[in-house]
Each structure stands twice: as structure tokens, then as C-alpha cells.
C-alpha atoms as a PDB file:
ATOM      1  CA  UNK A   1       7.529  -6.369 -18.574  1.00  0.00           C
ATOM      2  CA  UNK A   2       4.006  -6.050 -17.008  1.00  0.00           C
ATOM      3  CA  UNK A   3       1.193  -8.176 -18.309  1.00  0.00           C
ATOM      4  CA  UNK A   4      -2.593  -7.568 -17.383  1.00  0.00           C
ATOM      5  CA  UNK A   5      -4.590 -10.535 -17.616  1.00  0.00           C
ATOM      6  CA  UNK A   6      -8.966  -9.157 -17.742  1.00  0.00           C
ATOM      7  CA  UNK A   7     -11.264 -12.445 -17.334  1.00  0.00           C
ATOM      8  CA  UNK A   8     -14.825 -11.438 -18.610  1.00  0.00           C
ATOM      9  CA  UNK A   9     -17.315 -14.813 -18.603  1.00  0.00           C
ATOM     10  CA  UNK A  10     -20.075 -14.368 -20.362  1.00  0.00           C
ATOM     11  CA  UNK A  11     -23.389 -17.263 -20.196  1.00  0.00           C
ATOM     12  CA  UNK A  12     -23.644 -19.579 -23.137  1.00  0.00           C
ATOM     13  CA  UNK A  13     -26.394 -17.593 -25.635  1.00  0.00           C
ATOM     14  CA  UNK A  14     -25.488 -14.262 -24.206  1.00  0.00           C
ATOM     15  CA  UNK A  15     -23.823 -11.359 -25.656  1.00  0.00           C
ATOM     16  CA  UNK A  16     -19.850 -12.169 -26.705  1.00  0.00           C
ATOM     17  CA  UNK A  17     -17.414 -11.161 -23.811  1.00  0.00           C
ATOM     18  CA  UNK A  18     -16.078  -7.988 -25.503  1.00  0.00           C
ATOM     19  CA  UNK A  19     -20.082  -6.741 -25.426  1.00  0.00           C
ATOM     20  CA  UNK A  20     -20.548  -7.819 -22.077  1.00  0.00           C
ATOM     21  CA  UNK A  21     -17.137  -6.147 -20.715  1.00  0.00           C
ATOM     22  CA  UNK A  22     -18.093  -2.992 -22.246  1.00  0.00           C
ATOM     23  CA  UNK A  23     -21.613  -2.884 -21.213  1.00  0.00           C
ATOM     24  CA  UNK A  24     -20.282  -3.505 -17.490  1.00  0.00           C
ATOM     25  CA  UNK A  25     -21.547  -0.665 -14.957  1.00  0.00           C
ATOM     26  CA  UNK A  26     -18.373   1.965 -14.194  1.00  0.00           C
ATOM     27  CA  UNK A  27     -17.674   2.170 -10.448  1.00  0.00           C
ATOM     28  CA  UNK A  28     -19.077   5.268  -9.107  1.00  0.00           C
ATOM     29  CA  UNK A  29     -16.773   5.385  -6.460  1.00  0.00           C
ATOM     30  CA  UNK A  30     -13.742   7.333  -6.235  1.00  0.00           C
ATOM     31  CA  UNK A  31     -10.842   5.294  -7.366  1.00  0.00           C
ATOM     32  CA  UNK A  32      -8.370   7.391  -5.389  1.00  0.00           C
ATOM     33  CA  UNK A  33     -10.017   6.251  -2.023  1.00  0.00           C
ATOM     34  CA  UNK A  34      -7.952   3.421  -0.188  1.00  0.00           C
ATOM     35  CA  UNK A  35      -8.687   1.878   2.924  1.00  0.00           C
ATOM     36  CA  UNK A  36      -6.897   3.388   5.923  1.00  0.00           C
ATOM     37  CA  UNK A  37      -3.251   2.345   7.109  1.00  0.00           C
ATOM     38  CA  UNK A  38      -4.314   1.364  10.123  1.00  0.00           C
ATOM     39  CA  UNK A  39      -6.509  -2.027   9.582  1.00  0.00           C
ATOM     40  CA  UNK A  40      -9.629  -2.031  11.490  1.00  0.00           C
ATOM     41  CA  UNK A  41     -10.926  -3.848  14.281  1.00  0.00           C
ATOM     42  CA  UNK A  42     -13.437  -6.797  13.793  1.00  0.00           C
ATOM     43  CA  UNK A  43     -16.705  -5.651  15.210  1.00  0.00           C
ATOM     44  CA  UNK A  44     -17.741  -9.130  16.829  1.00  0.00           C
ATOM     45  CA  UNK A  45     -14.970 -11.069  18.622  1.00  0.00           C
ATOM     46  CA  UNK A  46     -13.195 -14.480  17.608  1.00  0.00           C
ATOM     47  CA  UNK A  47     -13.257 -16.543  16.229  1.00  0.00           C
ATOM     48  CA  UNK A  48     -14.072 -14.236  13.205  1.00  0.00           C
ATOM     49  CA  UNK A  49     -16.219 -15.968  10.533  1.00  0.00           C
ATOM     50  CA  UNK A  50     -17.424 -14.382   7.521  1.00  0.00           C
ATOM     51  CA  UNK A  51     -20.639 -16.704   6.476  1.00  0.00           C
ATOM     52  CA  UNK A  52     -21.517 -14.507   3.863  1.00  0.00           C
ATOM     53  CA  UNK A  53     -19.051 -12.336   1.333  1.00  0.00           C
ATOM     54  CA  UNK A  54     -20.036  -9.203  -0.203  1.00  0.00           C
ATOM     55  CA  UNK A  55     -21.212  -9.338  -3.751  1.00  0.00           C
ATOM     56  CA  UNK A  56     -21.482  -5.922  -5.907  1.00  0.00           C
ATOM     57  CA  UNK A  57     -24.998  -5.544  -7.668  1.00  0.00           C
ATOM     58  CA  UNK A  58     -24.180  -4.805 -11.097  1.00  0.00           C
ATOM     59  CA  UNK A  59     -26.541  -1.435 -10.960  1.00  0.00           C
ATOM     60  CA  UNK A  60     -27.272   0.484  -7.516  1.00  0.00           C
ATOM     61  CA  UNK A  61     -30.486  -0.656  -7.707  1.00  0.00           C
ATOM     62  CA  UNK A  62     -30.154  -4.266  -8.439  1.00  0.00           C
ATOM     63  CA  UNK A  63     -29.989  -7.045  -5.971  1.00  0.00           C
ATOM     64  CA  UNK A  64     -26.194  -8.188  -4.188  1.00  0.00           C
ATOM     65  CA  UNK A  65     -25.285  -8.274  -0.692  1.00  0.00           C
ATOM     66  CA  UNK A  66     -23.727  -5.141   0.116  1.00  0.00           C
ATOM     67  CA  UNK A  67     -21.310  -6.366   3.282  1.00  0.00           C
ATOM     68  CA  UNK A  68     -20.637  -9.325   5.016  1.00  0.00           C
ATOM     69  CA  UNK A  69     -22.254 -11.294   7.318  1.00  0.00           C
ATOM     70  CA  UNK A  70     -20.098 -12.332  10.347  1.00  0.00           C
ATOM     71  CA  UNK A  71     -21.103 -14.999  12.718  1.00  0.00           C
ATOM     72  CA  UNK A  72     -22.525 -13.641  16.014  1.00  0.00           C
ATOM     73  CA  UNK A  73     -24.511 -15.111  18.711  1.00  0.00           C
ATOM     74  CA  UNK A  74     -27.460 -13.022  19.688  1.00  0.00           C
ATOM     75  CA  UNK A  75     -26.581 -10.988  22.933  1.00  0.00           C
ATOM     76  CA  UNK A  76     -22.834 -10.935  21.589  1.00  0.00           C
ATOM     77  CA  UNK A  77     -20.793  -7.274  21.994  1.00  0.00           C
ATOM     78  CA  UNK A  78     -20.446  -5.087  18.902  1.00  0.00           C
ATOM     79  CA  UNK A  79     -17.420  -3.286  18.935  1.00  0.00           C
ATOM     80  CA  UNK A  80     -16.633   0.227  17.007  1.00  0.00           C
ATOM     81  CA  UNK A  81     -14.334  -0.765  14.328  1.00  0.00           C
ATOM     82  CA  UNK A  82     -12.300   2.052  14.029  1.00  0.00           C
ATOM     83  CA  UNK A  83     -12.653   5.800  15.687  1.00  0.00           C
ATOM     84  CA  UNK A  84     -16.447   8.031  14.360  1.00  0.00           C
ATOM     85  CA  UNK A  85     -18.991   9.853  15.741  1.00  0.00           C
ATOM     86  CA  UNK A  86     -22.825   7.705  15.403  1.00  0.00           C
ATOM     87  CA  UNK A  87     -24.298   9.127  12.664  1.00  0.00           C
ATOM     88  CA  UNK A  88     -27.328   6.691  12.858  1.00  0.00           C
ATOM     89  CA  UNK A  89     -28.698   4.471  15.872  1.00  0.00           C
ATOM     90  CA  UNK A  90     -31.944   3.178  15.272  1.00  0.00           C
ATOM     91  CA  UNK A  91     -34.620   0.513  13.828  1.00  0.00           C
ATOM     92  CA  UNK A  92     -34.941   0.436   9.787  1.00  0.00           C
ATOM     93  CA  UNK A  93     -37.232  -2.332   8.491  1.00  0.00           C
ATOM     94  CA  UNK A  94     -37.909  -4.000  12.155  1.00  0.00           C
ATOM     95  CA  UNK A  95     -34.378  -4.606  12.893  1.00  0.00           C
ATOM     96  CA  UNK A  96     -31.600  -2.273  15.039  1.00  0.00           C
ATOM     97  CA  UNK A  97     -28.761  -0.670  12.730  1.00  0.00           C
ATOM     98  CA  UNK A  98     -26.163   1.131  14.033  1.00  0.00           C
ATOM     99  CA  UNK A  99     -23.934   3.356  11.718  1.00  0.00           C
ATOM    100  CA  UNK A 100     -20.131   5.349  12.619  1.00  0.00           C
ATOM    101  CA  UNK A 101     -19.443   7.771  10.379  1.00  0.00           C
ATOM    102  CA  UNK A 102     -15.483   7.574  10.277  1.00  0.00           C
ATOM    103  CA  UNK A 103     -14.814  10.874   8.216  1.00  0.00           C
ATOM    104  CA  UNK A 104     -13.617  10.931   4.687  1.00  0.00           C
ATOM    105  CA  UNK A 105     -16.971   9.827   3.352  1.00  0.00           C
ATOM    106  CA  UNK A 106     -16.789   6.448   5.240  1.00  0.00           C
ATOM    107  CA  UNK A 107     -19.652   5.408   7.348  1.00  0.00           C
ATOM    108  CA  UNK A 108     -19.891   1.438   8.336  1.00  0.00           C
ATOM    109  CA  UNK A 109     -22.956  -0.210   9.149  1.00  0.00           C
ATOM    110  CA  UNK A 110     -23.949  -2.972  11.729  1.00  0.00           C
ATOM    111  CA  UNK A 111     -27.315  -4.384  11.522  1.00  0.00           C
ATOM    112  CA  UNK A 112     -29.270  -6.422  14.066  1.00  0.00           C
ATOM    113  CA  UNK A 113     -28.142  -4.771  16.853  1.00  0.00           C
ATOM    114  CA  UNK A 114     -29.560  -3.041  19.787  1.00  0.00           C
ATOM    115  CA  UNK A 115     -27.684   0.187  20.946  1.00  0.00           C
ATOM    116  CA  UNK A 116     -28.253   2.709  23.455  1.00  0.00           C
ATOM    117  CA  UNK A 117     -26.026   5.282  21.385  1.00  0.00           C
ATOM    118  CA  UNK A 118     -27.749   8.100  19.843  1.00  0.00           C
ATOM    119  CA  UNK A 119     -26.396   9.702  17.120  1.00  0.00           C
ATOM    120  CA  UNK A 120     -23.647  12.310  17.552  1.00  0.00           C
ATOM    121  CA  UNK A 121     -21.852  10.314  20.093  1.00  0.00           C
ATOM    122  CA  UNK A 122     -18.390   9.923  19.750  1.00  0.00           C
ATOM    123  CA  UNK A 123     -16.923   6.404  20.117  1.00  0.00           C
ATOM    124  CA  UNK A 124     -13.190   5.140  19.554  1.00  0.00           C
ATOM    125  CA  UNK A 125     -11.919   1.861  17.954  1.00  0.00           C
ATOM    126  CA  UNK A 126     -12.839  -0.804  20.037  1.00  0.00           C
ATOM    127  CA  UNK A 127     -15.179   0.130  22.065  1.00  0.00           C
ATOM    128  CA  UNK A 128     -18.636  -2.024  22.884  1.00  0.00           C
ATOM    129  CA  UNK A 129     -20.819   0.371  21.046  1.00  0.00           C
ATOM    130  CA  UNK A 130     -24.243  -2.635  20.868  1.00  0.00           C
ATOM    131  CA  UNK A 131     -24.835  -5.873  21.136  1.00  0.00           C
ATOM    132  CA  UNK A 132     -26.235  -8.552  18.162  1.00  0.00           C
ATOM    133  CA  UNK A 133     -30.135  -8.610  18.068  1.00  0.00           C
ATOM    134  CA  UNK A 134     -32.250 -10.557  15.987  1.00  0.00           C
ATOM    135  CA  UNK A 135     -34.304  -9.835  12.707  1.00  0.00           C
ATOM    136  CA  UNK A 136     -33.240  -9.233   8.827  1.00  0.00           C
ATOM    137  CA  UNK A 137     -31.561 -12.339   6.953  1.00  0.00           C
ATOM    138  CA  UNK A 138     -29.216 -12.797  10.034  1.00  0.00           C
ATOM    139  CA  UNK A 139     -31.472 -12.892  12.658  1.00  0.00           C
ATOM    140  CA  UNK A 140     -28.998 -14.250  15.509  1.00  0.00           C
ATOM    141  CA  UNK A 141     -26.812 -16.159  13.855  1.00  0.00           C
ATOM    142  CA  UNK A 142     -24.936 -13.280  12.657  1.00  0.00           C
ATOM    143  CA  UNK A 143     -24.334  -9.564  11.703  1.00  0.00           C
ATOM    144  CA  UNK A 144     -24.307  -8.033   8.243  1.00  0.00           C
ATOM    145  CA  UNK A 145     -21.228  -5.388   8.297  1.00  0.00           C
ATOM    146  CA  UNK A 146     -21.465  -2.690   5.557  1.00  0.00           C
ATOM    147  CA  UNK A 147     -19.166  -0.072   4.298  1.00  0.00           C
ATOM    148  CA  UNK A 148     -19.897   3.385   2.160  1.00  0.00           C
ATOM    149  CA  UNK A 149     -17.481   5.548   0.663  1.00  0.00           C
ATOM    150  CA  UNK A 150     -19.399   8.617  -0.456  1.00  0.00           C
ATOM    151  CA  UNK A 151     -22.377   6.611  -0.166  1.00  0.00           C
ATOM    152  CA  UNK A 152     -21.496   3.974  -2.306  1.00  0.00           C
ATOM    153  CA  UNK A 153     -21.116   0.335  -0.815  1.00  0.00           C
ATOM    154  CA  UNK A 154     -17.781  -1.338  -1.373  1.00  0.00           C
ATOM    155  CA  UNK A 155     -16.013  -4.538   0.202  1.00  0.00           C
ATOM    156  CA  UNK A 156     -16.029  -3.784   3.747  1.00  0.00           C
ATOM    157  CA  UNK A 157     -12.953  -6.590   3.828  1.00  0.00           C
ATOM    158  CA  UNK A 158     -10.708  -3.648   2.213  1.00  0.00           C
ATOM    159  CA  UNK A 159     -10.563  -2.262   5.840  1.00  0.00           C
ATOM    160  CA  UNK A 160      -9.561  -5.610   7.305  1.00  0.00           C
ATOM    161  CA  UNK A 161      -7.132  -6.080   5.072  1.00  0.00           C
ATOM    162  CA  UNK A 162      -8.730  -8.623   3.274  1.00  0.00           C
ATOM    163  CA  UNK A 163      -8.595  -8.410  -0.311  1.00  0.00           C
ATOM    164  CA  UNK A 164      -6.593  -5.932  -2.372  1.00  0.00           C
ATOM    165  CA  UNK A 165      -8.620  -3.292  -4.241  1.00  0.00           C
ATOM    166  CA  UNK A 166      -9.820  -4.260  -8.002  1.00  0.00           C
ATOM    167  CA  UNK A 167      -9.370  -1.364 -11.009  1.00  0.00           C
ATOM    168  CA  UNK A 168     -11.193  -2.035 -13.920  1.00  0.00           C
ATOM    169  CA  UNK A 169      -9.305  -1.482 -17.322  1.00  0.00           C
ATOM    170  CA  UNK A 170     -11.354  -0.546 -20.288  1.00  0.00           C
ATOM    171  CA  UNK A 171     -10.962  -3.249 -23.239  1.00  0.00           C
ATOM    172  CA  UNK A 172      -9.403  -2.447 -26.166  1.00  0.00           C
ATOM    173  CA  UNK A 173     -10.623  -2.813 -30.165  1.00  0.00           C
END
């Protein structure tokens, strides 16, 4: 016998749990997309400390934390988490960003960094690609690492084996 437990929290005075569940946005990321069989390498050296987790926004334009923050000192080496092609390297809102296209619609980005690579450069897993810089909400104490699948942000921990894939189920009744 298989049992499924779905927990929906509703704040006091808000819509009921069933109403809240029906109004929750459906994920736009293709549910058939799974993390690669080979786990990625952490982009910063040990010890790997996640200082801020991924927090999916309720809508595409809402507040959230579209990646994870990893403890890292300014000047530390950043390596490619997996093989790919640099799709962007440059400043965004006053901080350096490096994005790598890993194929199949998967793109990783890390900031703030200083990178000498240009768009189109091929990188191998574990290859040094940048150094930790300053700016943004990390400002020298961490790097922000995000992963997009077909343009939608997902938890990067899926690629490191840290979070099981979640599946939303419809509510009956």
C-alpha cells in the first residue's frame, strides 16, 4: 500500500488549506528533466558550506532566492561544476557573472566572480573558470550559484545529490 502525504500550511485568517493548494502555481519546468547521473563538482573548494538555501518564488516575478549561496572568500578559485560552454561572462548590476551552458537546456551561473573567459569558451568539469569577487548580496563572503532548466530556476542541490525531486500532486475534492 502506497500512501502520499501532502502538507499545505495556511496562515491564520488566510484561505483554507484546500483553497491555498488549488491556488498554488504549477511548476513550468518540464517534470521529465532530471539531474544528470553524474553528480556535479562543487564550484568552490572545501569545506562546502551552504549559507543560504534555494527558495523558489511563488510566481516568476516574486521575491525568492533563485540559487544557493556558498561560503567563499574573495580571491578564491571557482571551478566549472560540469563540462559546458560559457554562455555569458561579464558584469550584471555591478557584479561579475559567469554562466555555463551544460546542454539539454541546463545553464549554471555564479556570482560575484572575475572571469577571463569569453562566451563560446569550452570548459571541463573541475577546470578553474573564475575567482570570487565582491558585490551583490554575497559581497566577498560567498558566491551565489544558480541553475536554470529551459529558463526556469531550480534548486542547484539536485545536481549535487542533495535534494530529492519534488512532485506536486493535484488535490481531490
